[in-house]
Amino acid sequence: MREFLRGLPRAELEAQATRHAATCSRRLLRPDAVRRWKDWQNRGARLLIVTASPEITVAPFARGLGADLLIGTRLAFDADGRVAGGLDGANCRGPEKVARLKAVFGDDVRLEAAYGDSDGDLEMLALADEAGMKVFGERP
């Protein structure tokens, strides 16, 4: 972030993220994961994306998928609305995912299902009745 994003205006970063999602989502999202997402959506589930990636760059993907909530790493911005080069809070990874879920849903949060693809998801997966690690393998 310090090297590549520092100084970039928030509006420009949001515009780049929106263009990236519009042009690349079909090449990036695993079809089996999208089918599972849509299955949960059709059941009326509340759908969350919890990610260590910056919220601002994932937001267009989340909107496109119809996510109810996005919880991710927040970038720090300076007074002029430019990327400051650091984080606004902790990286949303590992125990921080659980802390952020508890902040939104309370200490007794329980997930009906959760899926992850890295060791940064393990603590969150422990909150789920149905937990899947690296269960999606279809190539986009």
N, C-alpha and C. Protein backbone atom coordinates (compact mmCIF):
# COMPACT_ATOMS: atom_id res chain seq x y z
N MET A 1 0.81 -1.19 0.00
CA MET A 1 0.00 0.00 0.00
C MET A 1 0.85 1.25 0.00
N ARG A 2 1.87 1.22 0.82
CA ARG A 2 2.73 2.42 0.89
C ARG A 2 3.40 2.69 -0.46
N GLU A 3 3.80 1.64 -1.12
CA GLU A 3 4.55 1.80 -2.37
C GLU A 3 3.64 2.07 -3.57
N PHE A 4 2.52 1.37 -3.64
CA PHE A 4 1.70 1.43 -4.86
C PHE A 4 0.46 2.30 -4.76
N LEU A 5 -0.08 2.48 -3.56
CA LEU A 5 -1.34 3.20 -3.44
C LEU A 5 -1.23 4.55 -2.75
N ARG A 6 -0.19 4.76 -1.99
CA ARG A 6 -0.07 6.00 -1.23
C ARG A 6 -0.25 7.22 -2.14
N GLY A 7 -1.11 8.11 -1.68
CA GLY A 7 -1.36 9.35 -2.42
C GLY A 7 -2.50 9.26 -3.42
N LEU A 8 -2.98 8.07 -3.69
CA LEU A 8 -4.07 7.90 -4.65
C LEU A 8 -5.37 8.41 -4.04
N PRO A 9 -6.09 9.26 -4.74
CA PRO A 9 -7.36 9.76 -4.21
C PRO A 9 -8.38 8.62 -4.06
N ARG A 10 -9.18 8.70 -2.99
CA ARG A 10 -10.19 7.68 -2.73
C ARG A 10 -11.08 7.46 -3.96
N ALA A 11 -11.54 8.54 -4.57
CA ALA A 11 -12.45 8.42 -5.72
C ALA A 11 -11.79 7.65 -6.86
N GLU A 12 -10.51 7.88 -7.08
CA GLU A 12 -9.81 7.16 -8.16
C GLU A 12 -9.66 5.69 -7.82
N LEU A 13 -9.33 5.38 -6.57
CA LEU A 13 -9.22 3.98 -6.15
C LEU A 13 -10.58 3.27 -6.29
N GLU A 14 -11.65 3.93 -5.89
CA GLU A 14 -12.99 3.35 -6.03
C GLU A 14 -13.33 3.13 -7.50
N ALA A 15 -13.00 4.09 -8.36
CA ALA A 15 -13.28 3.96 -9.79
C ALA A 15 -12.47 2.81 -10.39
N GLN A 16 -11.20 2.69 -10.01
CA GLN A 16 -10.38 1.59 -10.51
C GLN A 16 -10.93 0.24 -10.04
N ALA A 17 -11.35 0.17 -8.79
CA ALA A 17 -11.91 -1.07 -8.26
C ALA A 17 -13.20 -1.44 -8.99
N THR A 18 -14.02 -0.46 -9.28
CA THR A 18 -15.27 -0.71 -10.00
C THR A 18 -14.99 -1.22 -11.41
N ARG A 19 -14.03 -0.59 -12.09
CA ARG A 19 -13.67 -1.05 -13.45
C ARG A 19 -13.10 -2.47 -13.40
N HIS A 20 -12.26 -2.72 -12.42
CA HIS A 20 -11.65 -4.05 -12.29
C HIS A 20 -12.72 -5.12 -12.07
N ALA A 21 -13.65 -4.86 -11.19
CA ALA A 21 -14.72 -5.82 -10.92
C ALA A 21 -15.57 -6.04 -12.18
N ALA A 22 -15.87 -4.97 -12.89
CA ALA A 22 -16.72 -5.09 -14.08
C ALA A 22 -16.04 -5.90 -15.17
N THR A 23 -14.74 -5.75 -15.30
CA THR A 23 -14.05 -6.43 -16.40
C THR A 23 -13.47 -7.79 -16.01
N CYS A 24 -13.26 -8.03 -14.72
CA CYS A 24 -12.52 -9.24 -14.33
C CYS A 24 -13.29 -10.23 -13.46
N SER A 25 -14.47 -9.89 -13.00
CA SER A 25 -15.14 -10.77 -12.03
C SER A 25 -15.38 -12.16 -12.61
N ARG A 26 -15.74 -12.27 -13.86
CA ARG A 26 -15.97 -13.60 -14.45
C ARG A 26 -14.69 -14.42 -14.54
N ARG A 27 -13.55 -13.74 -14.64
CA ARG A 27 -12.27 -14.44 -14.70
C ARG A 27 -11.70 -14.75 -13.33
N LEU A 28 -12.25 -14.12 -12.29
CA LEU A 28 -11.69 -14.28 -10.95
C LEU A 28 -12.54 -15.15 -10.02
N LEU A 29 -13.85 -15.13 -10.21
CA LEU A 29 -14.74 -15.83 -9.29
C LEU A 29 -14.94 -17.28 -9.74
N ARG A 30 -14.74 -18.20 -8.83
CA ARG A 30 -14.90 -19.63 -9.13
C ARG A 30 -16.38 -19.96 -9.33
N PRO A 31 -16.73 -20.59 -10.44
CA PRO A 31 -18.15 -20.88 -10.71
C PRO A 31 -18.82 -21.71 -9.61
N ASP A 32 -18.12 -22.68 -9.03
CA ASP A 32 -18.75 -23.48 -7.98
C ASP A 32 -19.00 -22.65 -6.72
N ALA A 33 -18.14 -21.69 -6.45
CA ALA A 33 -18.35 -20.80 -5.30
C ALA A 33 -19.55 -19.88 -5.56
N VAL A 34 -19.66 -19.38 -6.77
CA VAL A 34 -20.79 -18.51 -7.12
C VAL A 34 -22.10 -19.29 -7.06
N ARG A 35 -22.08 -20.54 -7.50
CA ARG A 35 -23.31 -21.37 -7.39
C ARG A 35 -23.70 -21.57 -5.93
N ARG A 36 -22.72 -21.84 -5.07
CA ARG A 36 -23.02 -22.01 -3.64
C ARG A 36 -23.58 -20.72 -3.07
N TRP A 37 -22.97 -19.59 -3.43
CA TRP A 37 -23.44 -18.27 -2.99
C TRP A 37 -24.89 -18.07 -3.39
N LYS A 38 -25.20 -18.35 -4.67
CA LYS A 38 -26.57 -18.16 -5.16
C LYS A 38 -27.55 -19.12 -4.49
N ASP A 39 -27.10 -20.32 -4.17
CA ASP A 39 -27.95 -21.26 -3.44
C ASP A 39 -28.32 -20.69 -2.09
N TRP A 40 -27.35 -20.18 -1.34
CA TRP A 40 -27.63 -19.56 -0.05
C TRP A 40 -28.52 -18.33 -0.23
N GLN A 41 -28.27 -17.58 -1.28
CA GLN A 41 -29.08 -16.39 -1.57
C GLN A 41 -30.54 -16.78 -1.80
N ASN A 42 -30.75 -17.85 -2.58
CA ASN A 42 -32.11 -18.32 -2.86
C ASN A 42 -32.82 -18.84 -1.61
N ARG A 43 -32.06 -19.26 -0.62
CA ARG A 43 -32.64 -19.72 0.64
C ARG A 43 -32.97 -18.56 1.58
N GLY A 44 -32.59 -17.36 1.16
CA GLY A 44 -32.87 -16.18 1.98
C GLY A 44 -31.84 -15.91 3.05
N ALA A 45 -30.67 -16.50 2.93
CA ALA A 45 -29.61 -16.30 3.92
C ALA A 45 -29.07 -14.88 3.85
N ARG A 46 -28.61 -14.40 4.97
CA ARG A 46 -27.89 -13.13 5.01
C ARG A 46 -26.45 -13.44 4.60
N LEU A 47 -25.96 -12.81 3.57
CA LEU A 47 -24.67 -13.15 2.98
C LEU A 47 -23.62 -12.09 3.28
N LEU A 48 -22.50 -12.54 3.84
CA LEU A 48 -21.42 -11.65 4.22
C LEU A 48 -20.14 -12.05 3.51
N ILE A 49 -19.36 -11.06 3.20
CA ILE A 49 -17.99 -11.30 2.75
C ILE A 49 -17.10 -10.76 3.86
N VAL A 50 -16.24 -11.62 4.39
CA VAL A 50 -15.28 -11.23 5.43
C VAL A 50 -13.91 -11.52 4.85
N THR A 51 -13.12 -10.48 4.67
CA THR A 51 -11.87 -10.62 3.92
C THR A 51 -10.76 -9.77 4.50
N ALA A 52 -9.54 -10.23 4.32
CA ALA A 52 -8.37 -9.44 4.69
C ALA A 52 -8.05 -8.41 3.60
N SER A 53 -8.64 -8.56 2.45
CA SER A 53 -8.42 -7.60 1.37
C SER A 53 -9.07 -6.26 1.73
N PRO A 54 -8.59 -5.18 1.16
CA PRO A 54 -9.18 -3.88 1.47
C PRO A 54 -10.65 -3.81 1.04
N GLU A 55 -11.48 -3.36 1.97
CA GLU A 55 -12.92 -3.24 1.69
C GLU A 55 -13.18 -2.44 0.42
N ILE A 56 -12.44 -1.36 0.25
CA ILE A 56 -12.68 -0.46 -0.87
C ILE A 56 -12.47 -1.15 -2.22
N THR A 57 -11.58 -2.14 -2.28
CA THR A 57 -11.34 -2.83 -3.55
C THR A 57 -12.27 -4.02 -3.74
N VAL A 58 -12.81 -4.56 -2.66
CA VAL A 58 -13.72 -5.69 -2.74
C VAL A 58 -15.17 -5.24 -2.88
N ALA A 59 -15.47 -4.01 -2.49
CA ALA A 59 -16.85 -3.51 -2.49
C ALA A 59 -17.58 -3.70 -3.83
N PRO A 60 -16.96 -3.42 -4.98
CA PRO A 60 -17.70 -3.62 -6.23
C PRO A 60 -18.05 -5.10 -6.48
N PHE A 61 -17.18 -6.01 -6.09
CA PHE A 61 -17.49 -7.44 -6.21
C PHE A 61 -18.65 -7.80 -5.28
N ALA A 62 -18.60 -7.28 -4.05
CA ALA A 62 -19.66 -7.54 -3.08
C ALA A 62 -21.01 -7.03 -3.58
N ARG A 63 -21.01 -5.83 -4.14
CA ARG A 63 -22.27 -5.28 -4.70
C ARG A 63 -22.77 -6.16 -5.84
N GLY A 64 -21.86 -6.58 -6.70
CA GLY A 64 -22.24 -7.41 -7.84
C GLY A 64 -22.83 -8.75 -7.43
N LEU A 65 -22.35 -9.28 -6.32
CA LEU A 65 -22.86 -10.55 -5.81
C LEU A 65 -24.12 -10.39 -4.97
N GLY A 66 -24.44 -9.16 -4.61
CA GLY A 66 -25.59 -8.92 -3.76
C GLY A 66 -25.33 -9.21 -2.30
N ALA A 67 -24.10 -9.01 -1.85
CA ALA A 67 -23.75 -9.24 -0.45
C ALA A 67 -24.53 -8.29 0.45
N ASP A 68 -24.94 -8.81 1.60
CA ASP A 68 -25.63 -7.99 2.58
C ASP A 68 -24.67 -7.16 3.41
N LEU A 69 -23.45 -7.64 3.54
CA LEU A 69 -22.46 -6.94 4.36
C LEU A 69 -21.06 -7.32 3.91
N LEU A 70 -20.18 -6.35 3.93
CA LEU A 70 -18.77 -6.56 3.63
C LEU A 70 -17.96 -6.12 4.85
N ILE A 71 -17.14 -7.02 5.34
CA ILE A 71 -16.22 -6.72 6.43
C ILE A 71 -14.83 -7.03 5.91
N GLY A 72 -13.98 -6.02 5.88
CA GLY A 72 -12.64 -6.23 5.36
C GLY A 72 -11.65 -5.28 6.00
N THR A 73 -10.45 -5.33 5.53
CA THR A 73 -9.41 -4.43 5.99
C THR A 73 -9.72 -3.04 5.46
N ARG A 74 -9.58 -2.06 6.34
CA ARG A 74 -9.86 -0.67 5.96
C ARG A 74 -8.55 0.07 5.74
N LEU A 75 -8.46 0.76 4.64
CA LEU A 75 -7.29 1.58 4.36
C LEU A 75 -7.43 2.92 5.07
N ALA A 76 -6.32 3.49 5.49
CA ALA A 76 -6.32 4.82 6.08
C ALA A 76 -6.22 5.86 4.96
N PHE A 77 -6.98 6.93 5.13
CA PHE A 77 -6.95 8.04 4.19
C PHE A 77 -6.57 9.31 4.93
N ASP A 78 -5.87 10.20 4.26
CA ASP A 78 -5.49 11.45 4.89
C ASP A 78 -6.64 12.46 4.81
N ALA A 79 -6.42 13.65 5.31
CA ALA A 79 -7.46 14.68 5.36
C ALA A 79 -7.93 15.10 3.96
N ASP A 80 -7.10 14.85 2.95
CA ASP A 80 -7.46 15.20 1.58
C ASP A 80 -8.13 14.04 0.84
N GLY A 81 -8.38 12.92 1.54
CA GLY A 81 -9.04 11.79 0.92
C GLY A 81 -8.12 10.95 0.06
N ARG A 82 -6.84 10.99 0.36
CA ARG A 82 -5.86 10.19 -0.38
C ARG A 82 -5.38 9.04 0.50
N VAL A 83 -5.03 7.92 -0.15
CA VAL A 83 -4.52 6.77 0.60
C VAL A 83 -3.28 7.21 1.37
N ALA A 84 -3.32 7.00 2.69
CA ALA A 84 -2.22 7.43 3.56
C ALA A 84 -1.07 6.42 3.57
N GLY A 85 -1.33 5.20 3.15
CA GLY A 85 -0.28 4.19 3.10
C GLY A 85 -0.31 3.20 4.24
N GLY A 86 -1.29 3.31 5.10
CA GLY A 86 -1.41 2.38 6.22
C GLY A 86 -2.85 1.89 6.34
N LEU A 87 -3.11 1.25 7.46
CA LEU A 87 -4.44 0.71 7.71
C LEU A 87 -5.19 1.56 8.72
N ASP A 88 -6.49 1.56 8.60
CA ASP A 88 -7.38 2.17 9.59
C ASP A 88 -7.89 1.02 10.46
N GLY A 89 -7.16 0.67 11.49
CA GLY A 89 -7.49 -0.48 12.32
C GLY A 89 -6.63 -1.67 11.94
N ALA A 90 -7.00 -2.81 12.47
CA ALA A 90 -6.23 -4.04 12.25
C ALA A 90 -6.56 -4.67 10.90
N ASN A 91 -5.60 -5.44 10.39
CA ASN A 91 -5.83 -6.26 9.20
C ASN A 91 -6.91 -7.27 9.55
N CYS A 92 -7.92 -7.38 8.72
CA CYS A 92 -9.05 -8.27 8.98
C CYS A 92 -8.68 -9.70 8.59
N ARG A 93 -7.89 -10.30 9.45
CA ARG A 93 -7.35 -11.64 9.21
C ARG A 93 -7.30 -12.39 10.53
N GLY A 94 -7.51 -13.69 10.48
CA GLY A 94 -7.40 -14.52 11.68
C GLY A 94 -8.35 -14.08 12.77
N PRO A 95 -7.84 -13.86 13.98
CA PRO A 95 -8.71 -13.47 15.10
C PRO A 95 -9.46 -12.16 14.86
N GLU A 96 -8.91 -11.29 14.03
CA GLU A 96 -9.58 -10.02 13.75
C GLU A 96 -10.90 -10.25 13.02
N LYS A 97 -10.99 -11.28 12.19
CA LYS A 97 -12.27 -11.59 11.54
C LYS A 97 -13.34 -11.88 12.58
N VAL A 98 -12.99 -12.66 13.57
CA VAL A 98 -13.93 -13.00 14.65
C VAL A 98 -14.28 -11.75 15.44
N ALA A 99 -13.28 -10.94 15.77
CA ALA A 99 -13.53 -9.71 16.53
C ALA A 99 -14.49 -8.79 15.78
N ARG A 100 -14.30 -8.68 14.48
CA ARG A 100 -15.17 -7.81 13.68
C ARG A 100 -16.58 -8.38 13.57
N LEU A 101 -16.69 -9.70 13.43
CA LEU A 101 -18.03 -10.33 13.41
C LEU A 101 -18.74 -10.12 14.74
N LYS A 102 -18.01 -10.26 15.84
CA LYS A 102 -18.60 -10.04 17.17
C LYS A 102 -19.02 -8.58 17.35
N ALA A 103 -18.25 -7.67 16.81
CA ALA A 103 -18.59 -6.25 16.91
C ALA A 103 -19.92 -5.95 16.21
N VAL A 104 -20.20 -6.66 15.13
CA VAL A 104 -21.44 -6.44 14.38
C VAL A 104 -22.60 -7.24 14.96
N PHE A 105 -22.35 -8.51 15.32
CA PHE A 105 -23.44 -9.42 15.67
C PHE A 105 -23.49 -9.83 17.14
N GLY A 106 -22.54 -9.39 17.94
CA GLY A 106 -22.52 -9.73 19.35
C GLY A 106 -21.58 -10.88 19.64
N ASP A 107 -21.26 -11.03 20.93
CA ASP A 107 -20.29 -12.04 21.35
C ASP A 107 -20.73 -13.47 21.08
N ASP A 108 -22.02 -13.70 20.97
CA ASP A 108 -22.51 -15.06 20.75
C ASP A 108 -22.75 -15.36 19.27
N VAL A 109 -22.09 -14.63 18.39
CA VAL A 109 -22.27 -14.83 16.95
C VAL A 109 -22.02 -16.29 16.57
N ARG A 110 -22.87 -16.80 15.72
CA ARG A 110 -22.73 -18.15 15.17
C ARG A 110 -23.07 -18.04 13.68
N LEU A 111 -22.28 -18.66 12.84
CA LEU A 111 -22.50 -18.63 11.40
C LEU A 111 -23.10 -19.96 10.96
N GLU A 112 -24.12 -19.90 10.13
CA GLU A 112 -24.69 -21.14 9.62
C GLU A 112 -23.68 -21.84 8.72
N ALA A 113 -22.97 -21.04 7.94
CA ALA A 113 -21.94 -21.60 7.06
C ALA A 113 -20.87 -20.55 6.84
N ALA A 114 -19.65 -21.01 6.62
CA ALA A 114 -18.53 -20.13 6.29
C ALA A 114 -17.55 -20.92 5.43
N TYR A 115 -16.93 -20.22 4.51
CA TYR A 115 -15.98 -20.85 3.62
C TYR A 115 -14.73 -20.00 3.58
N GLY A 116 -13.58 -20.64 3.52
CA GLY A 116 -12.32 -19.93 3.50
C GLY A 116 -11.30 -20.60 2.62
N ASP A 117 -10.20 -19.89 2.38
CA ASP A 117 -9.16 -20.45 1.53
C ASP A 117 -7.75 -20.21 2.05
N SER A 118 -7.64 -19.73 3.31
CA SER A 118 -6.30 -19.53 3.87
C SER A 118 -6.34 -19.72 5.38
N ASP A 119 -5.16 -19.81 5.97
CA ASP A 119 -5.12 -19.98 7.42
C ASP A 119 -5.65 -18.75 8.15
N GLY A 120 -5.80 -17.64 7.48
CA GLY A 120 -6.41 -16.45 8.05
C GLY A 120 -7.90 -16.57 8.24
N ASP A 121 -8.48 -17.68 7.77
CA ASP A 121 -9.92 -17.92 7.90
C ASP A 121 -10.27 -18.90 9.01
N LEU A 122 -9.28 -19.55 9.60
CA LEU A 122 -9.54 -20.66 10.53
C LEU A 122 -10.38 -20.26 11.73
N GLU A 123 -10.08 -19.13 12.34
CA GLU A 123 -10.85 -18.70 13.50
C GLU A 123 -12.32 -18.42 13.14
N MET A 124 -12.54 -17.83 11.98
CA MET A 124 -13.90 -17.57 11.53
C MET A 124 -14.62 -18.89 11.24
N LEU A 125 -13.94 -19.82 10.60
CA LEU A 125 -14.56 -21.11 10.28
C LEU A 125 -14.99 -21.85 11.55
N ALA A 126 -14.29 -21.62 12.64
CA ALA A 126 -14.65 -22.27 13.91
C ALA A 126 -16.00 -21.80 14.44
N LEU A 127 -16.51 -20.68 13.93
CA LEU A 127 -17.82 -20.16 14.34
C LEU A 127 -18.97 -20.75 13.53
N ALA A 128 -18.66 -21.55 12.53
CA ALA A 128 -19.67 -21.99 11.57
C ALA A 128 -20.15 -23.41 11.81
N ASP A 129 -21.45 -23.61 11.61
CA ASP A 129 -22.03 -24.95 11.66
C ASP A 129 -21.53 -25.77 10.46
N GLU A 130 -21.45 -25.13 9.31
CA GLU A 130 -20.90 -25.76 8.10
C GLU A 130 -19.67 -24.96 7.72
N ALA A 131 -18.50 -25.56 7.86
CA ALA A 131 -17.25 -24.88 7.56
C ALA A 131 -16.54 -25.58 6.42
N GLY A 132 -16.15 -24.82 5.43
CA GLY A 132 -15.45 -25.39 4.29
C GLY A 132 -14.14 -24.66 4.03
N MET A 133 -13.06 -25.39 3.99
CA MET A 133 -11.75 -24.82 3.69
C MET A 133 -11.31 -25.31 2.32
N LYS A 134 -11.12 -24.37 1.41
CA LYS A 134 -10.68 -24.69 0.05
C LYS A 134 -11.59 -25.71 -0.61
N VAL A 135 -12.89 -25.52 -0.48
CA VAL A 135 -13.84 -26.47 -1.07
C VAL A 135 -14.20 -26.12 -2.52
N PHE A 136 -13.82 -24.94 -2.97
CA PHE A 136 -14.16 -24.53 -4.32
C PHE A 136 -12.94 -24.65 -5.20
N GLY A 137 -13.05 -25.41 -6.27
CA GLY A 137 -11.89 -25.68 -7.09
C GLY A 137 -12.07 -25.44 -8.57
N GLU A 138 -13.31 -25.17 -9.00
CA GLU A 138 -13.52 -24.95 -10.43
C GLU A 138 -12.80 -23.68 -10.87
N ARG A 139 -12.18 -23.76 -12.01
CA ARG A 139 -11.50 -22.60 -12.57
C ARG A 139 -12.51 -21.71 -13.27
N PRO A 140 -12.34 -20.39 -13.08
CA PRO A 140 -13.24 -19.46 -13.79
C PRO A 140 -13.06 -19.55 -15.29
